Amino acid sequence: MGQITIYLDSKTEMKIKKAAKSSHLSVSKWMVNIIDEKIAAEWPLDIVNLAGSWKNDFPTIEEIRENPGQDYPREDL
């Protein structure tokens, strides 16, 4: 397992410690999670599962063209 030393201003350090504590993680594990998230080469599974989930929520192009609706007068520019 490798080690990396970084230098942080005290404000950032306190924010990291607070975030790690609220996540019930060590600072090291919290940082690993953030780094993994930022360098991920794939979409998170929750996002992947969204693909196609709204399949029947939108009208088809044919349905849109069947009922163009009312056009309103344009403003003169």
N, C-alpha and C. Protein backbone atom coordinates (compact mmCIF):
# COMPACT_ATOMS: atom_id res chain seq x y z
N MET A 1 0.85 -1.17 0.00
CA MET A 1 0.00 0.00 0.00
C MET A 1 0.90 1.24 0.00
N GLY A 2 0.61 2.17 -0.89
CA GLY A 2 1.42 3.38 -1.00
C GLY A 2 0.97 4.46 -0.03
N GLN A 3 1.84 5.42 0.15
CA GLN A 3 1.53 6.58 0.97
C GLN A 3 1.82 7.83 0.16
N ILE A 4 0.99 8.85 0.38
CA ILE A 4 1.17 10.14 -0.27
C ILE A 4 1.10 11.20 0.82
N THR A 5 2.00 12.14 0.77
CA THR A 5 1.96 13.26 1.71
C THR A 5 1.47 14.49 0.95
N ILE A 6 0.47 15.13 1.49
CA ILE A 6 -0.03 16.37 0.89
C ILE A 6 -0.06 17.45 1.96
N TYR A 7 0.01 18.68 1.53
CA TYR A 7 -0.04 19.80 2.45
C TYR A 7 -1.35 20.54 2.24
N LEU A 8 -2.07 20.76 3.33
CA LEU A 8 -3.38 21.40 3.28
C LEU A 8 -3.39 22.62 4.18
N ASP A 9 -4.18 23.61 3.79
CA ASP A 9 -4.41 24.70 4.73
C ASP A 9 -5.32 24.18 5.83
N SER A 10 -5.31 24.81 6.97
CA SER A 10 -6.04 24.29 8.14
C SER A 10 -7.55 24.26 7.90
N LYS A 11 -8.08 25.19 7.13
CA LYS A 11 -9.52 25.21 6.85
C LYS A 11 -9.93 23.95 6.06
N THR A 12 -9.14 23.61 5.05
CA THR A 12 -9.43 22.42 4.25
C THR A 12 -9.27 21.16 5.09
N GLU A 13 -8.23 21.12 5.90
CA GLU A 13 -8.02 19.96 6.77
C GLU A 13 -9.21 19.74 7.69
N MET A 14 -9.73 20.79 8.27
CA MET A 14 -10.87 20.66 9.18
C MET A 14 -12.12 20.18 8.43
N LYS A 15 -12.31 20.67 7.22
CA LYS A 15 -13.46 20.23 6.42
C LYS A 15 -13.36 18.74 6.10
N ILE A 16 -12.16 18.28 5.77
CA ILE A 16 -11.97 16.87 5.45
C ILE A 16 -12.23 16.02 6.68
N LYS A 17 -11.68 16.42 7.81
CA LYS A 17 -11.88 15.66 9.05
C LYS A 17 -13.35 15.59 9.43
N LYS A 18 -14.06 16.70 9.27
CA LYS A 18 -15.48 16.74 9.59
C LYS A 18 -16.28 15.82 8.65
N ALA A 19 -15.96 15.88 7.36
CA ALA A 19 -16.67 15.03 6.38
C ALA A 19 -16.39 13.56 6.64
N ALA A 20 -15.15 13.21 6.96
CA ALA A 20 -14.80 11.82 7.24
C ALA A 20 -15.53 11.33 8.49
N LYS A 21 -15.55 12.17 9.51
CA LYS A 21 -16.22 11.78 10.76
C LYS A 21 -17.71 11.58 10.54
N SER A 22 -18.33 12.47 9.79
CA SER A 22 -19.78 12.33 9.56
C SER A 22 -20.10 11.12 8.69
N SER A 23 -19.11 10.65 7.93
CA SER A 23 -19.29 9.45 7.10
C SER A 23 -18.88 8.18 7.85
N HIS A 24 -18.43 8.35 9.10
CA HIS A 24 -17.97 7.22 9.92
C HIS A 24 -16.80 6.50 9.25
N LEU A 25 -15.89 7.29 8.66
CA LEU A 25 -14.72 6.74 8.00
C LEU A 25 -13.47 7.42 8.53
N SER A 26 -12.35 6.73 8.40
CA SER A 26 -11.08 7.39 8.69
C SER A 26 -10.84 8.43 7.59
N VAL A 27 -9.99 9.39 7.88
CA VAL A 27 -9.66 10.39 6.87
C VAL A 27 -9.05 9.70 5.65
N SER A 28 -8.21 8.72 5.88
CA SER A 28 -7.57 8.00 4.79
C SER A 28 -8.60 7.31 3.89
N LYS A 29 -9.53 6.59 4.49
CA LYS A 29 -10.55 5.88 3.71
C LYS A 29 -11.47 6.87 3.00
N TRP A 30 -11.80 7.97 3.66
CA TRP A 30 -12.65 9.00 3.04
C TRP A 30 -11.95 9.57 1.80
N MET A 31 -10.64 9.84 1.93
CA MET A 31 -9.88 10.37 0.80
C MET A 31 -9.83 9.36 -0.35
N VAL A 32 -9.65 8.08 -0.03
CA VAL A 32 -9.63 7.04 -1.07
C VAL A 32 -10.96 7.03 -1.81
N ASN A 33 -12.07 7.14 -1.08
CA ASN A 33 -13.39 7.16 -1.73
C ASN A 33 -13.52 8.35 -2.68
N ILE A 34 -13.07 9.51 -2.25
CA ILE A 34 -13.14 10.71 -3.10
C ILE A 34 -12.28 10.54 -4.34
N ILE A 35 -11.07 10.05 -4.15
CA ILE A 35 -10.17 9.86 -5.29
C ILE A 35 -10.75 8.83 -6.26
N ASP A 36 -11.26 7.71 -5.73
CA ASP A 36 -11.88 6.70 -6.61
C ASP A 36 -13.03 7.29 -7.41
N GLU A 37 -13.83 8.12 -6.76
CA GLU A 37 -14.97 8.75 -7.43
C GLU A 37 -14.49 9.66 -8.56
N LYS A 38 -13.43 10.39 -8.32
CA LYS A 38 -12.95 11.36 -9.30
C LYS A 38 -12.23 10.72 -10.48
N ILE A 39 -11.62 9.56 -10.28
CA ILE A 39 -10.87 8.94 -11.37
C ILE A 39 -11.58 7.74 -11.98
N ALA A 40 -12.83 7.54 -11.59
CA ALA A 40 -13.59 6.40 -12.11
C ALA A 40 -13.70 6.50 -13.63
N ALA A 41 -13.54 5.36 -14.28
CA ALA A 41 -13.64 5.31 -15.73
C ALA A 41 -15.03 4.87 -16.19
N GLU A 42 -15.91 4.59 -15.25
CA GLU A 42 -17.25 4.15 -15.57
C GLU A 42 -18.27 4.99 -14.81
N TRP A 43 -19.49 5.02 -15.32
CA TRP A 43 -20.57 5.70 -14.63
C TRP A 43 -20.97 4.90 -13.39
N PRO A 44 -21.40 5.57 -12.33
CA PRO A 44 -21.91 4.83 -11.17
C PRO A 44 -23.13 3.99 -11.58
N LEU A 45 -23.32 2.85 -10.93
CA LEU A 45 -24.39 1.93 -11.28
C LEU A 45 -25.77 2.60 -11.22
N ASP A 46 -25.99 3.49 -10.26
CA ASP A 46 -27.28 4.19 -10.17
C ASP A 46 -27.56 4.99 -11.44
N ILE A 47 -26.54 5.59 -12.00
CA ILE A 47 -26.71 6.37 -13.23
C ILE A 47 -26.94 5.43 -14.41
N VAL A 48 -26.18 4.36 -14.48
CA VAL A 48 -26.35 3.38 -15.56
C VAL A 48 -27.77 2.84 -15.56
N ASN A 49 -28.31 2.58 -14.39
CA ASN A 49 -29.66 2.03 -14.29
C ASN A 49 -30.74 3.02 -14.72
N LEU A 50 -30.42 4.31 -14.74
CA LEU A 50 -31.39 5.30 -15.21
C LEU A 50 -31.60 5.25 -16.72
N ALA A 51 -30.60 4.81 -17.44
CA ALA A 51 -30.68 4.79 -18.90
C ALA A 51 -31.89 3.98 -19.36
N GLY A 52 -32.77 4.63 -20.10
CA GLY A 52 -33.96 3.97 -20.62
C GLY A 52 -35.12 3.90 -19.65
N SER A 53 -34.93 4.35 -18.43
CA SER A 53 -36.00 4.22 -17.44
C SER A 53 -37.17 5.16 -17.71
N TRP A 54 -36.98 6.17 -18.53
CA TRP A 54 -38.06 7.10 -18.86
C TRP A 54 -38.62 6.81 -20.26
N LYS A 55 -38.44 5.61 -20.72
CA LYS A 55 -38.77 5.20 -22.08
C LYS A 55 -40.17 5.64 -22.54
N ASN A 56 -41.19 5.44 -21.74
CA ASN A 56 -42.56 5.73 -22.16
C ASN A 56 -43.08 7.07 -21.64
N ASP A 57 -42.21 7.89 -21.07
CA ASP A 57 -42.64 9.16 -20.49
C ASP A 57 -42.71 10.29 -21.51
N PHE A 58 -42.09 10.11 -22.68
CA PHE A 58 -42.05 11.17 -23.66
C PHE A 58 -42.80 10.74 -24.92
N PRO A 59 -43.47 11.69 -25.57
CA PRO A 59 -44.17 11.33 -26.81
C PRO A 59 -43.18 11.05 -27.93
N THR A 60 -43.60 10.25 -28.86
CA THR A 60 -42.78 9.98 -30.04
C THR A 60 -42.83 11.19 -30.95
N ILE A 61 -41.93 11.26 -31.92
CA ILE A 61 -41.94 12.37 -32.86
C ILE A 61 -43.23 12.39 -33.67
N GLU A 62 -43.78 11.21 -33.95
CA GLU A 62 -45.04 11.13 -34.69
C GLU A 62 -46.17 11.74 -33.87
N GLU A 63 -46.21 11.46 -32.57
CA GLU A 63 -47.25 12.02 -31.70
C GLU A 63 -47.13 13.53 -31.60
N ILE A 64 -45.93 14.02 -31.58
CA ILE A 64 -45.72 15.47 -31.52
C ILE A 64 -46.22 16.12 -32.80
N ARG A 65 -45.93 15.51 -33.94
CA ARG A 65 -46.33 16.08 -35.23
C ARG A 65 -47.83 16.00 -35.47
N GLU A 66 -48.52 15.03 -34.86
CA GLU A 66 -49.96 14.90 -35.02
C GLU A 66 -50.71 16.08 -34.40
N ASN A 67 -50.22 16.62 -33.32
CA ASN A 67 -50.90 17.69 -32.61
C ASN A 67 -49.92 18.82 -32.34
N PRO A 68 -49.74 19.70 -33.35
CA PRO A 68 -48.73 20.74 -33.17
C PRO A 68 -49.12 21.81 -32.14
N GLY A 69 -50.35 21.83 -31.72
CA GLY A 69 -50.77 22.83 -30.74
C GLY A 69 -51.02 24.17 -31.37
N GLN A 70 -51.28 25.18 -30.56
CA GLN A 70 -51.60 26.52 -31.06
C GLN A 70 -50.33 27.36 -31.10
N ASP A 71 -50.13 28.03 -32.22
CA ASP A 71 -48.99 28.93 -32.35
C ASP A 71 -49.44 30.32 -31.91
N TYR A 72 -48.62 31.01 -31.21
CA TYR A 72 -48.94 32.33 -30.72
C TYR A 72 -48.20 33.38 -31.55
N PRO A 73 -48.81 34.58 -31.70
CA PRO A 73 -48.16 35.63 -32.48
C PRO A 73 -46.77 35.97 -31.89
N ARG A 74 -45.84 36.23 -32.77
CA ARG A 74 -44.48 36.57 -32.35
C ARG A 74 -44.39 38.07 -32.08
N GLU A 75 -43.44 38.44 -31.26
CA GLU A 75 -43.20 39.87 -31.01
C GLU A 75 -42.44 40.45 -32.19
N ASP A 76 -42.71 41.68 -32.49
CA ASP A 76 -41.94 42.37 -33.53
C ASP A 76 -40.63 42.82 -32.91
N LEU A 77 -39.56 42.52 -33.59
CA LEU A 77 -38.24 42.93 -33.07
C LEU A 77 -37.75 44.16 -33.74
